[in-house]
Amino acid sequence: MTNTIEISPIVDNYIAVWGIADPAERAKAVAELWTGHGIEYVEGNQYVGHTALTERVAEAHEAFVANATYTASGGDDATVHGDIVSFTIRLDHAQGEDAGETAWSARVFLVLDEDGRVREDYQLTVKPLAA
């Protein structure tokens, strides 16, 4: 089970997927990270399967990262319990007087399958974006 799986690459790949600009590379990264029936729960929404997850990641990328407003970071506080991985993900200001400061953060809980792929993904907002 996950006791034999290295957690750092999973967390690193999860954070990195939000910054992938190329649609084909992004879809490949989603397929490698989540199971075929993987599901993400965030802000009252759920996204099931590779197609929905790829669209979700693309929308977030376009809204927050593609325009160089934010960078996705975090994951340096990952903890593991059985098949559950938990860590913080952040959107940090990428430029301007607030560069480097956190604009949004969430606690992420990933439930992994026996191969270390994400079956369930829960993002619980800790610091919402300013209106």
N, C-alpha and C. Protein backbone atom coordinates (compact mmCIF):
# COMPACT_ATOMS: atom_id res chain seq x y z
N MET A 1 0.85 -1.18 0.00
CA MET A 1 0.00 0.00 0.00
C MET A 1 0.89 1.24 0.00
N THR A 2 0.40 2.34 0.47
CA THR A 2 1.14 3.60 0.39
C THR A 2 2.37 3.63 1.26
N ASN A 3 2.51 2.70 2.19
CA ASN A 3 3.71 2.67 3.01
C ASN A 3 4.95 2.45 2.15
N THR A 4 4.78 1.81 0.99
CA THR A 4 5.90 1.56 0.10
C THR A 4 6.00 2.58 -1.03
N ILE A 5 5.06 3.51 -1.08
CA ILE A 5 5.04 4.53 -2.13
C ILE A 5 5.66 5.81 -1.59
N GLU A 6 6.53 6.41 -2.39
CA GLU A 6 7.13 7.68 -2.01
C GLU A 6 6.10 8.79 -2.18
N ILE A 7 5.79 9.49 -1.10
CA ILE A 7 4.72 10.49 -1.09
C ILE A 7 5.15 11.80 -1.75
N SER A 8 6.40 12.20 -1.59
CA SER A 8 6.85 13.50 -2.12
C SER A 8 6.55 13.68 -3.60
N PRO A 9 6.81 12.70 -4.47
CA PRO A 9 6.48 12.90 -5.89
C PRO A 9 4.99 13.09 -6.13
N ILE A 10 4.14 12.43 -5.36
CA ILE A 10 2.70 12.59 -5.52
C ILE A 10 2.30 14.03 -5.19
N VAL A 11 2.79 14.53 -4.06
CA VAL A 11 2.49 15.91 -3.66
C VAL A 11 3.08 16.89 -4.67
N ASP A 12 4.33 16.69 -5.06
CA ASP A 12 4.98 17.58 -6.03
C ASP A 12 4.22 17.60 -7.36
N ASN A 13 3.79 16.41 -7.83
CA ASN A 13 3.05 16.34 -9.09
C ASN A 13 1.68 16.98 -8.98
N TYR A 14 1.04 16.84 -7.82
CA TYR A 14 -0.26 17.46 -7.60
C TYR A 14 -0.14 18.99 -7.70
N ILE A 15 0.84 19.55 -7.04
CA ILE A 15 1.04 21.00 -7.08
C ILE A 15 1.44 21.45 -8.49
N ALA A 16 2.29 20.68 -9.13
CA ALA A 16 2.78 21.05 -10.46
C ALA A 16 1.70 21.02 -11.53
N VAL A 17 0.72 20.10 -11.41
CA VAL A 17 -0.29 19.95 -12.46
C VAL A 17 -1.04 21.26 -12.71
N TRP A 18 -1.21 22.08 -11.70
CA TRP A 18 -1.96 23.34 -11.84
C TRP A 18 -1.20 24.37 -12.66
N GLY A 19 0.10 24.17 -12.85
CA GLY A 19 0.91 25.12 -13.61
C GLY A 19 1.26 24.68 -15.01
N ILE A 20 0.76 23.54 -15.45
CA ILE A 20 1.10 23.03 -16.78
C ILE A 20 0.28 23.75 -17.84
N ALA A 21 0.96 24.45 -18.73
CA ALA A 21 0.28 25.25 -19.75
C ALA A 21 -0.18 24.43 -20.96
N ASP A 22 0.61 23.46 -21.38
CA ASP A 22 0.29 22.69 -22.57
C ASP A 22 -0.88 21.73 -22.28
N PRO A 23 -1.98 21.83 -23.04
CA PRO A 23 -3.15 20.99 -22.78
C PRO A 23 -2.87 19.49 -22.84
N ALA A 24 -2.06 19.04 -23.78
CA ALA A 24 -1.76 17.61 -23.88
C ALA A 24 -0.94 17.13 -22.69
N GLU A 25 0.05 17.92 -22.31
CA GLU A 25 0.86 17.57 -21.13
C GLU A 25 0.01 17.58 -19.87
N ARG A 26 -0.88 18.56 -19.77
CA ARG A 26 -1.76 18.66 -18.60
C ARG A 26 -2.66 17.44 -18.51
N ALA A 27 -3.27 17.04 -19.64
CA ALA A 27 -4.15 15.86 -19.65
C ALA A 27 -3.37 14.60 -19.27
N LYS A 28 -2.15 14.48 -19.75
CA LYS A 28 -1.31 13.34 -19.40
C LYS A 28 -1.00 13.34 -17.90
N ALA A 29 -0.68 14.51 -17.36
CA ALA A 29 -0.37 14.61 -15.93
C ALA A 29 -1.59 14.26 -15.07
N VAL A 30 -2.77 14.71 -15.49
CA VAL A 30 -4.00 14.37 -14.77
C VAL A 30 -4.21 12.86 -14.79
N ALA A 31 -4.04 12.23 -15.95
CA ALA A 31 -4.23 10.79 -16.07
C ALA A 31 -3.23 10.00 -15.23
N GLU A 32 -2.04 10.53 -15.06
CA GLU A 32 -1.03 9.86 -14.25
C GLU A 32 -1.28 10.06 -12.76
N LEU A 33 -1.89 11.18 -12.40
CA LEU A 33 -2.08 11.52 -10.98
C LEU A 33 -3.35 10.90 -10.40
N TRP A 34 -4.47 11.02 -11.12
CA TRP A 34 -5.76 10.52 -10.63
C TRP A 34 -6.10 9.19 -11.29
N THR A 35 -6.89 8.36 -10.61
CA THR A 35 -7.42 7.14 -11.22
C THR A 35 -8.46 7.55 -12.26
N GLY A 36 -8.87 6.61 -13.10
CA GLY A 36 -9.86 6.90 -14.14
C GLY A 36 -11.18 7.38 -13.59
N HIS A 37 -11.52 6.97 -12.38
CA HIS A 37 -12.77 7.40 -11.73
C HIS A 37 -12.47 8.31 -10.55
N GLY A 38 -11.26 8.90 -10.55
CA GLY A 38 -10.89 9.81 -9.47
C GLY A 38 -11.88 10.95 -9.36
N ILE A 39 -12.00 11.48 -8.15
CA ILE A 39 -12.97 12.55 -7.91
C ILE A 39 -12.33 13.63 -7.06
N GLU A 40 -12.63 14.87 -7.39
CA GLU A 40 -12.19 16.00 -6.58
C GLU A 40 -13.42 16.73 -6.06
N TYR A 41 -13.35 17.08 -4.79
CA TYR A 41 -14.38 17.90 -4.15
C TYR A 41 -13.74 19.22 -3.77
N VAL A 42 -14.34 20.33 -4.25
CA VAL A 42 -13.81 21.65 -3.92
C VAL A 42 -14.94 22.67 -4.01
N GLU A 43 -15.05 23.50 -3.00
CA GLU A 43 -16.02 24.59 -2.98
C GLU A 43 -17.43 24.16 -3.38
N GLY A 44 -17.88 23.02 -2.86
CA GLY A 44 -19.24 22.55 -3.15
C GLY A 44 -19.41 21.90 -4.50
N ASN A 45 -18.34 21.76 -5.26
CA ASN A 45 -18.39 21.12 -6.58
C ASN A 45 -17.64 19.80 -6.54
N GLN A 46 -17.99 18.93 -7.46
CA GLN A 46 -17.23 17.69 -7.60
C GLN A 46 -16.93 17.45 -9.08
N TYR A 47 -15.76 16.89 -9.32
CA TYR A 47 -15.28 16.62 -10.66
C TYR A 47 -14.86 15.15 -10.69
N VAL A 48 -15.49 14.38 -11.58
CA VAL A 48 -15.29 12.93 -11.61
C VAL A 48 -14.70 12.50 -12.95
N GLY A 49 -13.61 11.75 -12.90
CA GLY A 49 -13.00 11.20 -14.11
C GLY A 49 -12.00 12.13 -14.76
N HIS A 50 -11.18 11.57 -15.62
CA HIS A 50 -10.10 12.33 -16.23
C HIS A 50 -10.57 13.53 -17.04
N THR A 51 -11.66 13.39 -17.78
CA THR A 51 -12.13 14.51 -18.60
C THR A 51 -12.53 15.69 -17.72
N ALA A 52 -13.35 15.44 -16.71
CA ALA A 52 -13.79 16.51 -15.82
C ALA A 52 -12.62 17.10 -15.04
N LEU A 53 -11.71 16.26 -14.58
CA LEU A 53 -10.56 16.75 -13.83
C LEU A 53 -9.63 17.57 -14.71
N THR A 54 -9.44 17.14 -15.94
CA THR A 54 -8.59 17.89 -16.87
C THR A 54 -9.20 19.26 -17.15
N GLU A 55 -10.51 19.31 -17.35
CA GLU A 55 -11.20 20.60 -17.56
C GLU A 55 -11.09 21.48 -16.32
N ARG A 56 -11.23 20.89 -15.15
CA ARG A 56 -11.14 21.64 -13.89
C ARG A 56 -9.75 22.24 -13.73
N VAL A 57 -8.72 21.44 -13.95
CA VAL A 57 -7.35 21.92 -13.82
C VAL A 57 -7.07 23.00 -14.86
N ALA A 58 -7.57 22.82 -16.09
CA ALA A 58 -7.37 23.82 -17.15
C ALA A 58 -8.03 25.15 -16.77
N GLU A 59 -9.25 25.09 -16.25
CA GLU A 59 -9.95 26.32 -15.84
C GLU A 59 -9.19 27.03 -14.73
N ALA A 60 -8.72 26.28 -13.75
CA ALA A 60 -7.96 26.90 -12.65
C ALA A 60 -6.66 27.49 -13.18
N HIS A 61 -6.00 26.77 -14.07
CA HIS A 61 -4.75 27.27 -14.65
C HIS A 61 -4.99 28.59 -15.37
N GLU A 62 -6.01 28.62 -16.22
CA GLU A 62 -6.31 29.84 -16.98
C GLU A 62 -6.70 31.00 -16.06
N ALA A 63 -7.46 30.73 -15.03
CA ALA A 63 -7.96 31.79 -14.15
C ALA A 63 -6.87 32.36 -13.24
N PHE A 64 -5.92 31.51 -12.82
CA PHE A 64 -5.01 31.96 -11.77
C PHE A 64 -3.53 31.96 -12.14
N VAL A 65 -3.09 31.04 -12.98
CA VAL A 65 -1.66 30.87 -13.21
C VAL A 65 -1.21 31.37 -14.58
N ALA A 66 -2.00 31.13 -15.61
CA ALA A 66 -1.59 31.46 -16.98
C ALA A 66 -1.28 32.94 -17.17
N ASN A 67 -1.99 33.79 -16.47
CA ASN A 67 -1.77 35.23 -16.60
C ASN A 67 -0.68 35.75 -15.67
N ALA A 68 0.05 34.84 -15.03
CA ALA A 68 1.16 35.17 -14.13
C ALA A 68 0.72 35.96 -12.91
N THR A 69 -0.55 35.85 -12.54
CA THR A 69 -1.02 36.51 -11.32
C THR A 69 -0.57 35.73 -10.08
N TYR A 70 -0.66 34.40 -10.16
CA TYR A 70 -0.33 33.55 -9.01
C TYR A 70 0.56 32.39 -9.44
N THR A 71 1.23 31.83 -8.47
CA THR A 71 1.94 30.57 -8.65
C THR A 71 1.38 29.59 -7.62
N ALA A 72 1.27 28.34 -8.00
CA ALA A 72 0.84 27.30 -7.07
C ALA A 72 2.07 26.80 -6.33
N SER A 73 1.94 26.68 -5.02
CA SER A 73 3.06 26.21 -4.20
C SER A 73 2.52 25.49 -2.98
N GLY A 74 3.43 25.08 -2.14
CA GLY A 74 3.03 24.40 -0.91
C GLY A 74 3.52 22.98 -0.88
N GLY A 75 2.90 22.18 -0.04
CA GLY A 75 3.23 20.78 0.03
C GLY A 75 4.38 20.44 0.96
N ASP A 76 5.00 21.45 1.57
CA ASP A 76 6.13 21.18 2.45
C ASP A 76 5.70 20.69 3.83
N ASP A 77 4.40 20.51 4.02
CA ASP A 77 3.87 20.05 5.31
C ASP A 77 3.09 18.74 5.16
N ALA A 78 3.45 17.94 4.16
CA ALA A 78 2.72 16.70 3.87
C ALA A 78 2.81 15.71 5.03
N THR A 79 1.68 15.12 5.32
CA THR A 79 1.60 14.06 6.32
C THR A 79 0.86 12.88 5.71
N VAL A 80 1.11 11.70 6.21
CA VAL A 80 0.53 10.48 5.66
C VAL A 80 -0.04 9.65 6.80
N HIS A 81 -1.20 9.09 6.55
CA HIS A 81 -1.79 8.11 7.46
C HIS A 81 -2.45 7.04 6.61
N GLY A 82 -1.82 5.89 6.52
CA GLY A 82 -2.34 4.83 5.66
C GLY A 82 -2.36 5.27 4.22
N ASP A 83 -3.56 5.30 3.63
CA ASP A 83 -3.69 5.70 2.22
C ASP A 83 -4.13 7.15 2.06
N ILE A 84 -4.03 7.95 3.13
CA ILE A 84 -4.43 9.35 3.09
C ILE A 84 -3.20 10.24 3.20
N VAL A 85 -3.10 11.20 2.28
CA VAL A 85 -2.03 12.19 2.29
C VAL A 85 -2.69 13.55 2.49
N SER A 86 -2.12 14.36 3.36
CA SER A 86 -2.65 15.70 3.60
C SER A 86 -1.52 16.71 3.51
N PHE A 87 -1.81 17.87 2.90
CA PHE A 87 -0.82 18.93 2.78
C PHE A 87 -1.55 20.23 2.44
N THR A 88 -0.84 21.33 2.49
CA THR A 88 -1.38 22.63 2.14
C THR A 88 -0.94 23.01 0.74
N ILE A 89 -1.88 23.53 -0.04
CA ILE A 89 -1.56 24.10 -1.35
C ILE A 89 -1.91 25.59 -1.27
N ARG A 90 -1.10 26.40 -1.95
CA ARG A 90 -1.30 27.85 -1.90
C ARG A 90 -1.24 28.45 -3.29
N LEU A 91 -1.95 29.55 -3.46
CA LEU A 91 -1.74 30.43 -4.59
C LEU A 91 -1.04 31.65 -4.02
N ASP A 92 0.19 31.87 -4.45
CA ASP A 92 0.97 33.01 -3.99
C ASP A 92 1.00 34.06 -5.09
N HIS A 93 0.96 35.32 -4.69
CA HIS A 93 1.08 36.40 -5.67
C HIS A 93 2.41 36.24 -6.41
N ALA A 94 2.35 36.33 -7.74
CA ALA A 94 3.54 36.12 -8.56
C ALA A 94 4.32 37.39 -8.84
N GLN A 95 3.67 38.54 -8.68
CA GLN A 95 4.35 39.79 -9.02
C GLN A 95 3.75 40.94 -8.22
N GLY A 96 4.37 42.08 -8.35
CA GLY A 96 3.88 43.29 -7.68
C GLY A 96 4.33 43.36 -6.23
N GLU A 97 3.76 44.32 -5.53
CA GLU A 97 4.18 44.55 -4.14
C GLU A 97 3.82 43.40 -3.20
N ASP A 98 2.88 42.55 -3.60
CA ASP A 98 2.50 41.40 -2.79
C ASP A 98 3.19 40.11 -3.23
N ALA A 99 4.15 40.19 -4.14
CA ALA A 99 4.82 38.99 -4.66
C ALA A 99 5.31 38.11 -3.52
N GLY A 100 4.99 36.83 -3.64
CA GLY A 100 5.41 35.86 -2.63
C GLY A 100 4.43 35.67 -1.49
N GLU A 101 3.51 36.60 -1.33
CA GLU A 101 2.52 36.48 -0.26
C GLU A 101 1.38 35.57 -0.70
N THR A 102 0.84 34.83 0.24
CA THR A 102 -0.24 33.89 -0.05
C THR A 102 -1.56 34.62 -0.22
N ALA A 103 -2.21 34.38 -1.36
CA ALA A 103 -3.52 34.98 -1.64
C ALA A 103 -4.65 34.01 -1.29
N TRP A 104 -4.37 32.71 -1.39
CA TRP A 104 -5.37 31.67 -1.14
C TRP A 104 -4.64 30.43 -0.68
N SER A 105 -5.27 29.66 0.20
CA SER A 105 -4.69 28.38 0.58
C SER A 105 -5.79 27.40 0.92
N ALA A 106 -5.45 26.14 0.78
CA ALA A 106 -6.40 25.07 1.11
C ALA A 106 -5.63 23.90 1.70
N ARG A 107 -6.32 23.18 2.54
CA ARG A 107 -5.79 21.91 3.04
C ARG A 107 -6.30 20.84 2.09
N VAL A 108 -5.40 20.03 1.56
CA VAL A 108 -5.74 18.99 0.61
C VAL A 108 -5.63 17.64 1.31
N PHE A 109 -6.65 16.82 1.08
CA PHE A 109 -6.64 15.44 1.56
C PHE A 109 -6.80 14.55 0.33
N LEU A 110 -5.82 13.70 0.10
CA LEU A 110 -5.86 12.77 -1.02
C LEU A 110 -6.01 11.36 -0.49
N VAL A 111 -6.96 10.62 -1.02
CA VAL A 111 -7.09 9.19 -0.71
C VAL A 111 -6.53 8.46 -1.92
N LEU A 112 -5.48 7.67 -1.67
CA LEU A 112 -4.76 7.01 -2.75
C LEU A 112 -5.19 5.56 -2.94
N ASP A 113 -5.02 5.06 -4.17
CA ASP A 113 -5.24 3.64 -4.41
C ASP A 113 -3.93 2.90 -4.12
N GLU A 114 -3.91 1.62 -4.35
CA GLU A 114 -2.73 0.80 -4.04
C GLU A 114 -1.53 1.15 -4.91
N ASP A 115 -1.74 1.83 -6.03
CA ASP A 115 -0.64 2.24 -6.90
C ASP A 115 -0.18 3.68 -6.64
N GLY A 116 -0.79 4.34 -5.66
CA GLY A 116 -0.41 5.71 -5.33
C GLY A 116 -1.09 6.76 -6.19
N ARG A 117 -2.16 6.39 -6.89
CA ARG A 117 -2.92 7.36 -7.68
C ARG A 117 -4.09 7.85 -6.85
N VAL A 118 -4.54 9.05 -7.12
CA VAL A 118 -5.59 9.69 -6.33
C VAL A 118 -6.96 9.13 -6.70
N ARG A 119 -7.65 8.58 -5.69
CA ARG A 119 -9.04 8.13 -5.86
C ARG A 119 -9.99 9.25 -5.47
N GLU A 120 -9.66 9.92 -4.36
CA GLU A 120 -10.49 11.01 -3.85
C GLU A 120 -9.58 12.17 -3.48
N ASP A 121 -10.04 13.38 -3.78
CA ASP A 121 -9.26 14.60 -3.59
C ASP A 121 -10.20 15.63 -2.97
N TYR A 122 -9.86 16.07 -1.78
CA TYR A 122 -10.67 17.07 -1.08
C TYR A 122 -9.82 18.31 -0.87
N GLN A 123 -10.28 19.46 -1.38
CA GLN A 123 -9.62 20.74 -1.12
C GLN A 123 -10.53 21.54 -0.20
N LEU A 124 -10.03 21.83 0.99
CA LEU A 124 -10.79 22.59 1.96
C LEU A 124 -10.13 23.95 2.14
N THR A 125 -10.77 24.99 1.64
CA THR A 125 -10.20 26.34 1.66
C THR A 125 -9.95 26.80 3.09
N VAL A 126 -8.73 27.28 3.31
CA VAL A 126 -8.34 27.83 4.59
C VAL A 126 -8.37 29.36 4.51
N LYS A 127 -7.81 29.89 3.43
CA LYS A 127 -7.76 31.34 3.22
C LYS A 127 -8.36 31.63 1.85
N PRO A 128 -9.59 32.15 1.83
CA PRO A 128 -10.22 32.44 0.52
C PRO A 128 -9.57 33.63 -0.16
N LEU A 129 -9.68 33.65 -1.50
CA LEU A 129 -9.21 34.81 -2.27
C LEU A 129 -10.04 36.03 -1.90
N ALA A 130 -9.41 37.17 -1.89
CA ALA A 130 -10.13 38.42 -1.62
C ALA A 130 -11.15 38.67 -2.73
N ALA A 131 -12.27 39.23 -2.36
CA ALA A 131 -13.33 39.49 -3.35
C ALA A 131 -12.95 40.57 -4.32
